[in-house]
């Protein structure tokens, strides 16, 4: 099984102040309440070379009898290990994760951790994610549009729901978590231009992944990747979610890095959303749904796709084929009908079937690996 964790924030208390002379801070400042914050981000050279590194935040707070010192490490675990988050980790990878995290912290001059210490760090943020690959012609926008029919307000205390970027992103904001479903390839393409409107950050380290996915898509077209994310930000939100799902604390790195925790969180929220999808709506022959199904087939020209759409829509709204033929004969000539009568109708509706496939993939929890789609 797979550990579908991407971004995680690990926090530890320090016994003493972390001095500026010991660590290279990008930002080190004190606010009016006496709280001191120091930040370490990947350097310009790291970004240029595509070298992934965590984000470090040091916080110093005044207390009645002294000061508290805290260090937060925020990182993408798959990017740390693989340099991208298309590949997914498994429970057996935990020792390797600890080894690589210890190594990169030493490179960043935060080198006072051993693997047992890292394994017991407290978790303050965690994003559970699953990549679902479609090779049957399903379009990512079809999945997202189908999920957008769900009446989310019946299962979540929704603050806002965004259907963004021309149907490439569905983002559900609630009081306790965020859920994002989006087209991963499109998101990577946007990150190549700017990360301001992307779902993923630190895309600089996986631009080569975009090249690989584009090669696969050209060689094995059709090929689409839909990413499903459940984001829990803050200790109280994680505790609330875990309690609801019967997941026991403590919230330490080693305790959340398990197959069972990831599976419970992702399957619970997928079933919440899918249960409210308007299935009957997905089976209706609307112009958009017909065009989507036609475009899922690749052996056609754009003109043919539009001709098939027009013929399918006309056929769906009239049973008088003889009258249609008469119109063509009168306006264009008697041979016109023979030139168009073999136009293919759209394939069977696949949108609901594709959503069921996505749900089964999430429940199966098999790790997605780039090597499984190797074109060499």
Protein backbone atom coordinates (compact mmCIF):
# COMPACT_ATOMS: atom_id res chain seq x y z
CA UNK A 1 0.00 0.00 0.00
CA UNK A 2 0.95 3.64 -0.37
CA UNK A 3 1.56 6.52 2.03
CA UNK A 4 -0.20 9.33 0.22
CA UNK A 5 1.28 12.19 2.21
CA UNK A 6 2.79 15.14 0.42
CA UNK A 7 3.39 18.30 2.46
CA UNK A 8 3.93 17.95 6.19
CA UNK A 9 4.93 20.42 8.89
CA UNK A 10 7.04 19.08 11.74
CA UNK A 11 7.63 21.10 14.90
CA UNK A 12 10.01 20.74 17.84
CA UNK A 13 10.76 22.73 20.98
CA UNK A 14 14.33 23.91 21.50
CA UNK A 15 16.12 24.33 24.80
CA UNK A 16 18.07 27.37 23.70
CA UNK A 17 18.00 30.24 21.26
CA UNK A 18 19.01 29.52 17.67
CA UNK A 19 21.50 32.29 16.97
CA UNK A 20 21.85 34.14 13.68
CA UNK A 21 25.57 33.44 13.72
CA UNK A 22 24.84 29.69 13.68
CA UNK A 23 22.22 29.61 10.92
CA UNK A 24 21.75 31.51 7.65
CA UNK A 25 18.35 33.19 7.94
CA UNK A 26 16.67 34.83 4.95
CA UNK A 27 14.52 36.80 7.34
CA UNK A 28 15.01 37.49 11.04
CA UNK A 29 12.78 40.03 12.77
CA UNK A 30 10.99 40.92 16.00
CA UNK A 31 7.44 42.24 16.17
CA UNK A 32 5.87 44.66 18.66
CA UNK A 33 4.92 41.79 21.03
CA UNK A 34 8.51 40.60 21.28
CA UNK A 35 8.02 37.53 19.07
CA UNK A 36 11.13 36.82 17.00
CA UNK A 37 10.82 34.94 13.70
CA UNK A 38 13.57 33.57 11.51
CA UNK A 39 12.94 31.99 8.09
CA UNK A 40 15.14 29.86 5.85
CA UNK A 41 13.93 29.24 2.29
CA UNK A 42 15.53 27.40 -0.65
CA UNK A 43 18.20 29.64 -2.17
CA UNK A 44 18.13 31.11 -5.66
CA UNK A 45 20.83 28.60 -6.61
CA UNK A 46 18.72 25.72 -5.25
CA UNK A 47 15.77 26.87 -7.34
CA UNK A 48 17.87 27.33 -10.46
CA UNK A 49 19.39 23.86 -10.14
CA UNK A 50 16.08 22.24 -9.16
CA UNK A 51 17.43 21.13 -5.76
CA UNK A 52 14.57 20.59 -3.33
CA UNK A 53 14.92 21.79 0.27
CA UNK A 54 12.44 22.27 3.14
CA UNK A 55 11.24 25.61 4.49
CA UNK A 56 12.45 26.30 8.03
CA UNK A 57 10.77 28.68 10.48
CA UNK A 58 12.30 29.53 13.86
CA UNK A 59 10.04 31.23 16.42
CA UNK A 60 10.93 32.74 19.77
CA UNK A 61 8.11 33.84 22.09
CA UNK A 62 8.33 35.70 25.42
CA UNK A 63 6.80 33.96 28.47
CA UNK A 64 6.31 35.13 32.10
CA UNK A 65 9.37 33.20 33.23
CA UNK A 66 11.57 33.22 30.14
CA UNK A 67 11.16 32.46 26.44
CA UNK A 68 9.95 29.56 24.29
CA UNK A 69 12.00 28.45 21.30
CA UNK A 70 10.40 26.47 18.46
CA UNK A 71 11.56 25.18 15.09
CA UNK A 72 9.16 24.21 12.26
CA UNK A 73 10.20 22.15 9.22
CA UNK A 74 7.75 22.20 6.30
CA UNK A 75 8.42 19.98 3.31
CA UNK A 76 7.02 17.71 0.62
CA UNK A 77 8.09 14.17 1.44
CA UNK A 78 7.89 12.80 -2.15
CA UNK A 79 9.84 15.80 -3.47
CA UNK A 80 12.49 15.20 -0.83
CA UNK A 81 12.92 11.55 -1.87
CA UNK A 82 12.11 11.58 -5.59
CA UNK A 83 12.40 15.23 -6.62
CA UNK A 84 8.70 15.17 -7.60
CA UNK A 85 5.34 14.25 -6.10
CA UNK A 86 4.03 12.14 -8.95
CA UNK A 87 5.84 9.21 -7.36
CA UNK A 88 4.25 8.15 -4.07
CA UNK A 89 5.85 6.76 -0.93
CA UNK A 90 5.01 3.59 0.99
CA UNK A 91 5.28 2.76 4.68
CA UNK A 92 8.51 0.89 3.98
CA UNK A 93 10.15 4.17 2.85
CA UNK A 94 10.11 5.78 6.30
CA UNK A 95 13.75 5.07 7.14
CA UNK A 96 14.83 6.53 3.81
CA UNK A 97 12.69 9.62 4.45
CA UNK A 98 14.35 10.11 7.85
CA UNK A 99 17.82 9.62 6.37
CA UNK A 100 17.27 12.17 3.60
CA UNK A 101 15.62 14.68 5.92
CA UNK A 102 18.53 14.44 8.35
CA UNK A 103 20.95 14.91 5.45
CA UNK A 104 19.25 18.00 4.01
CA UNK A 105 18.90 19.62 7.45
CA UNK A 106 22.63 19.27 7.97
CA UNK A 107 23.23 20.88 4.58
CA UNK A 108 21.05 23.78 5.75
CA UNK A 109 23.07 23.99 8.98
CA UNK A 110 20.18 22.60 11.05
CA UNK A 111 22.26 19.56 11.85
CA UNK A 112 21.45 18.53 15.38
CA UNK A 113 18.86 15.84 14.66
CA UNK A 114 19.07 12.06 14.64
CA UNK A 115 16.50 9.76 13.03
CA UNK A 116 14.73 8.88 16.33
CA UNK A 117 14.37 12.59 17.11
CA UNK A 118 12.90 13.34 13.67
CA UNK A 119 10.50 10.38 13.91
CA UNK A 120 9.03 11.82 17.10
CA UNK A 121 8.56 15.42 15.94
CA UNK A 122 5.05 16.80 16.34
CA UNK A 123 2.89 17.18 13.20
CA UNK A 124 1.17 20.57 12.78
CA UNK A 125 0.14 20.35 9.13
CA UNK A 126 -0.41 17.42 6.78
CA UNK A 127 -1.66 17.09 3.21
CA UNK A 128 -2.96 13.67 2.17
CA UNK A 129 -2.85 13.30 -1.62
CA UNK A 130 -3.43 10.71 -4.35
CA UNK A 131 -2.56 10.87 -8.04
CA UNK A 132 -5.03 9.06 -10.29
CA UNK A 133 -3.88 8.29 -13.84
CA UNK A 134 -6.32 7.85 -16.74
CA UNK A 135 -5.20 6.19 -19.97
CA UNK A 136 -8.66 5.46 -21.44
CA UNK A 137 -9.34 8.89 -22.92
CA UNK A 138 -10.89 10.39 -19.79
CA UNK A 139 -10.19 14.13 -19.61
CA UNK A 140 -9.17 15.65 -16.27
CA UNK A 141 -11.76 18.39 -16.77
CA UNK A 142 -14.47 15.73 -17.07
CA UNK A 143 -13.63 14.36 -13.61
CA UNK A 144 -13.58 17.81 -12.05
CA UNK A 145 -16.82 18.87 -13.77
CA UNK A 146 -18.51 15.69 -12.55
CA UNK A 147 -17.45 16.29 -8.96
CA UNK A 148 -18.59 19.90 -9.22
CA UNK A 149 -22.20 18.64 -9.49
CA UNK A 150 -22.01 17.37 -5.89
CA UNK A 151 -24.08 19.24 -3.31
CA UNK A 152 -21.11 19.74 -0.98
CA UNK A 153 -23.08 21.80 1.55
CA UNK A 154 -24.89 18.64 2.69
CA UNK A 155 -21.69 17.07 4.02
CA UNK A 156 -19.39 20.03 4.79
CA UNK A 157 -19.65 23.39 6.54
CA UNK A 158 -18.58 25.05 3.31
CA UNK A 159 -17.06 28.51 3.42
CA UNK A 160 -16.29 28.68 -0.28
CA UNK A 161 -16.08 26.45 -3.34
CA UNK A 162 -13.95 27.49 -6.31
CA UNK A 163 -14.29 26.01 -9.80
CA UNK A 164 -11.16 27.55 -11.29
CA UNK A 165 -8.97 27.79 -14.38
CA UNK A 166 -11.59 26.78 -16.92
CA UNK A 167 -12.64 23.68 -14.99
CA UNK A 168 -9.13 22.48 -14.18
CA UNK A 169 -9.46 22.93 -10.38
CA UNK A 170 -12.18 22.23 -7.80
CA UNK A 171 -11.22 23.72 -4.43
CA UNK A 172 -13.49 23.23 -1.41
CA UNK A 173 -12.82 25.41 1.64
CA UNK A 174 -14.44 24.39 4.94
CA UNK A 175 -14.03 25.43 8.56
CA UNK A 176 -11.82 22.44 9.31
CA UNK A 177 -9.98 21.52 6.09
CA UNK A 178 -9.35 22.23 2.43
CA UNK A 179 -9.99 19.76 -0.37
CA UNK A 180 -8.51 20.27 -3.84
CA UNK A 181 -9.06 18.20 -6.98
CA UNK A 182 -7.11 19.36 -10.01
CA UNK A 183 -5.42 18.55 -13.30
CA UNK A 184 -1.82 17.88 -12.29
CA UNK A 185 -0.30 18.31 -15.74
CA UNK A 186 -1.98 21.68 -16.26
CA UNK A 187 -0.88 22.79 -12.80
CA UNK A 188 2.73 21.91 -13.65
CA UNK A 189 2.44 23.85 -16.90
CA UNK A 190 1.24 26.92 -15.00
CA UNK A 191 4.06 26.60 -12.44
CA UNK A 192 6.55 26.90 -15.29
CA UNK A 193 5.21 30.43 -15.82
CA UNK A 194 4.37 31.42 -12.24
CA UNK A 195 3.43 29.70 -8.97
CA UNK A 196 1.03 32.46 -7.92
CA UNK A 197 -2.07 30.68 -9.23
CA UNK A 198 -0.98 27.05 -8.91
CA UNK A 199 -2.16 24.49 -6.39
CA UNK A 200 1.36 23.21 -5.74
CA UNK A 201 4.30 25.22 -4.50
CA UNK A 202 8.00 24.58 -5.06
CA UNK A 203 7.31 23.44 -8.58
CA UNK A 204 10.84 24.51 -9.51
CA UNK A 205 12.19 21.09 -8.45
CA UNK A 206 9.90 19.06 -10.72
CA UNK A 207 9.86 20.91 -14.03
CA UNK A 208 11.63 17.86 -15.48
CA UNK A 209 8.57 15.88 -14.37
CA UNK A 210 6.45 18.02 -16.68
CA UNK A 211 8.75 17.13 -19.56
CA UNK A 212 8.44 13.43 -18.71
CA UNK A 213 4.65 13.56 -18.44
CA UNK A 214 4.40 15.44 -21.73
CA UNK A 215 6.53 12.75 -23.42
CA UNK A 216 4.29 10.03 -21.99
CA UNK A 217 1.17 11.90 -23.09
CA UNK A 218 2.47 12.19 -26.66
CA UNK A 219 3.64 8.58 -26.82
CA UNK A 220 0.70 7.01 -24.97
CA UNK A 221 -2.06 9.47 -25.68
CA UNK A 222 -4.55 9.56 -24.04
CA UNK A 223 -2.95 10.26 -20.64
CA UNK A 224 -4.35 12.42 -17.84
CA UNK A 225 -3.52 12.82 -14.13
CA UNK A 226 -6.07 14.02 -11.58
CA UNK A 227 -4.80 14.84 -8.09
CA UNK A 228 -6.99 14.57 -5.00
CA UNK A 229 -5.80 16.41 -1.88
CA UNK A 230 -7.15 16.70 1.67
CA UNK A 231 -5.26 19.42 3.54
CA UNK A 232 -5.26 19.66 7.34
CA UNK A 233 -3.55 22.81 8.59
CA UNK A 234 -3.08 23.21 12.35
CA UNK A 235 -2.92 20.92 15.34
CA UNK A 236 -6.56 21.37 16.37
CA UNK A 237 -7.84 20.66 12.86
CA UNK A 238 -5.77 17.48 12.64
CA UNK A 239 -6.96 16.36 16.08
CA UNK A 240 -10.59 17.02 15.15
CA UNK A 241 -10.29 15.08 11.89
CA UNK A 242 -8.48 12.13 13.45
CA UNK A 243 -10.96 11.90 16.33
CA UNK A 244 -13.86 11.82 13.86
CA UNK A 245 -12.21 8.96 11.95
CA UNK A 246 -11.19 7.02 15.05
CA UNK A 247 -7.45 7.61 14.54
CA UNK A 248 -5.52 7.59 17.80
CA UNK A 249 -2.93 10.19 18.75
CA UNK A 250 -0.12 11.16 19.42
CA UNK A 251 0.46 13.36 16.39
CA UNK A 252 4.07 12.42 15.78
CA UNK A 253 5.74 11.92 12.42
CA UNK A 254 6.06 8.14 12.87
CA UNK A 255 2.42 7.80 13.99
CA UNK A 256 0.89 9.56 10.97
CA UNK A 257 3.23 7.94 8.42
CA UNK A 258 1.08 4.82 8.05
CA UNK A 259 -1.00 3.28 5.28
CA UNK A 260 -4.09 3.11 7.47
CA UNK A 261 -4.16 6.79 8.45
CA UNK A 262 -3.80 7.98 4.85
CA UNK A 263 -6.42 5.54 3.55
CA UNK A 264 -9.00 6.50 6.17
CA UNK A 265 -8.68 10.22 5.53
CA UNK A 266 -8.76 10.07 1.73
CA UNK A 267 -11.48 7.44 1.31
CA UNK A 268 -13.70 9.20 3.87
CA UNK A 269 -13.64 12.50 1.99
CA UNK A 270 -13.87 10.93 -1.45
CA UNK A 271 -17.01 9.04 -0.40
CA UNK A 272 -18.44 12.22 1.13
CA UNK A 273 -18.12 14.06 -2.17
CA UNK A 274 -19.01 11.20 -4.52
CA UNK A 275 -22.15 10.34 -2.53
CA UNK A 276 -23.53 13.81 -3.37
CA UNK A 277 -22.63 13.79 -7.07
CA UNK A 278 -25.73 14.09 -9.27
CA UNK A 279 -25.34 10.79 -11.09
CA UNK A 280 -28.42 11.24 -13.29
CA UNK A 281 -27.05 14.58 -14.50
CA UNK A 282 -23.84 12.87 -15.65
CA UNK A 283 -25.83 10.54 -17.91
CA UNK A 284 -27.66 13.34 -19.77
CA UNK A 285 -26.70 14.13 -23.36
CA UNK A 286 -25.83 17.81 -23.17
CA UNK A 287 -23.69 19.47 -25.87
CA UNK A 288 -20.73 19.70 -23.47
CA UNK A 289 -21.01 16.07 -22.33
CA UNK A 290 -21.29 14.87 -25.94
CA UNK A 291 -18.26 16.91 -27.02
CA UNK A 292 -16.27 15.67 -24.01
CA UNK A 293 -16.94 12.05 -24.93
CA UNK A 294 -16.11 12.66 -28.58
CA UNK A 295 -12.81 14.32 -27.72
CA UNK A 296 -11.87 11.36 -25.53
CA UNK A 297 -11.27 9.51 -28.79
CA UNK A 298 -8.06 10.60 -30.46
CA UNK A 299 -8.28 9.33 -34.06
CA UNK A 300 -10.10 12.32 -35.51
CA UNK A 301 -9.62 15.83 -36.82
CA UNK A 302 -11.21 18.87 -35.13
CA UNK A 303 -13.68 19.25 -38.00
CA UNK A 304 -14.76 15.64 -37.61
CA UNK A 305 -15.26 16.10 -33.86
CA UNK A 306 -17.55 19.08 -34.44
CA UNK A 307 -19.43 17.24 -37.19
CA UNK A 308 -19.99 14.29 -34.87
CA UNK A 309 -21.22 16.65 -32.15
CA UNK A 310 -23.74 18.30 -34.48
CA UNK A 311 -24.99 14.99 -35.81
CA UNK A 312 -25.26 13.47 -32.32
CA UNK A 313 -27.13 16.47 -30.92
CA UNK A 314 -29.48 16.54 -33.91
CA UNK A 315 -30.11 12.80 -33.61
CA UNK A 316 -30.85 13.14 -29.89
CA UNK A 317 -33.52 15.78 -30.51
CA UNK A 318 -35.42 14.30 -33.42
CA UNK A 319 -36.66 10.88 -34.47
CA UNK A 320 -37.37 11.98 -38.05
CA UNK A 321 -34.24 10.85 -39.93
CA UNK A 322 -36.12 11.04 -43.25
CA UNK A 323 -36.81 14.75 -42.76
CA UNK A 324 -33.12 15.37 -41.97
CA UNK A 325 -32.17 13.61 -45.19
CA UNK A 326 -34.73 15.63 -47.14
CA UNK A 327 -33.26 18.90 -45.82
CA UNK A 328 -29.78 17.90 -47.00
CA UNK A 329 -31.09 16.74 -50.39
CA UNK A 330 -32.95 19.99 -51.00
CA UNK A 331 -30.22 22.35 -49.82
CA UNK A 332 -27.02 20.63 -51.00
CA UNK A 333 -27.93 17.82 -53.35
CA UNK A 334 -28.91 14.18 -53.39
CA UNK A 335 -25.35 12.95 -52.74
CA UNK A 336 -24.92 14.98 -49.51
CA UNK A 337 -26.67 12.43 -47.31
CA UNK A 338 -24.43 9.60 -48.53
CA UNK A 339 -21.34 11.63 -47.58
CA UNK A 340 -22.47 12.14 -43.97
CA UNK A 341 -24.51 9.06 -43.12
CA UNK A 342 -21.44 7.18 -41.82
CA UNK A 343 -20.52 9.85 -39.26
CA UNK A 344 -19.76 8.04 -36.02
CA UNK A 345 -21.94 8.69 -33.01
CA UNK A 346 -20.19 9.54 -29.69
CA UNK A 347 -18.88 6.67 -27.57
CA UNK A 348 -20.85 5.51 -24.56
CA UNK A 349 -20.99 7.98 -21.71
CA UNK A 350 -17.87 7.55 -19.56
CA UNK A 351 -17.99 10.36 -16.98
CA UNK A 352 -19.68 8.39 -14.18
CA UNK A 353 -17.61 5.30 -14.99
CA UNK A 354 -14.43 7.40 -14.72
CA UNK A 355 -15.47 8.77 -11.32
CA UNK A 356 -16.05 5.23 -10.08
CA UNK A 357 -12.58 4.27 -11.37
CA UNK A 358 -11.06 7.21 -9.48
CA UNK A 359 -12.78 6.17 -6.26
CA UNK A 360 -11.57 2.59 -6.64
CA UNK A 361 -8.02 3.79 -7.26
CA UNK A 362 -8.08 5.87 -4.08
CA UNK A 363 -9.39 2.91 -2.07
CA UNK A 364 -6.87 0.51 -3.59
CA UNK A 365 -3.99 2.74 -2.40
CA UNK A 366 -1.45 1.43 -4.88
CA UNK A 367 1.60 3.68 -5.25
CA UNK A 368 1.80 5.70 -8.47
CA UNK A 369 5.28 5.50 -10.01
CA UNK A 370 6.65 7.24 -13.09
CA UNK A 371 8.48 4.05 -14.08
CA UNK A 372 5.14 2.30 -14.61
CA UNK A 373 4.62 4.53 -17.66
CA UNK A 374 8.18 4.30 -19.00
CA UNK A 375 8.29 4.92 -22.76
CA UNK A 376 11.97 4.08 -23.32
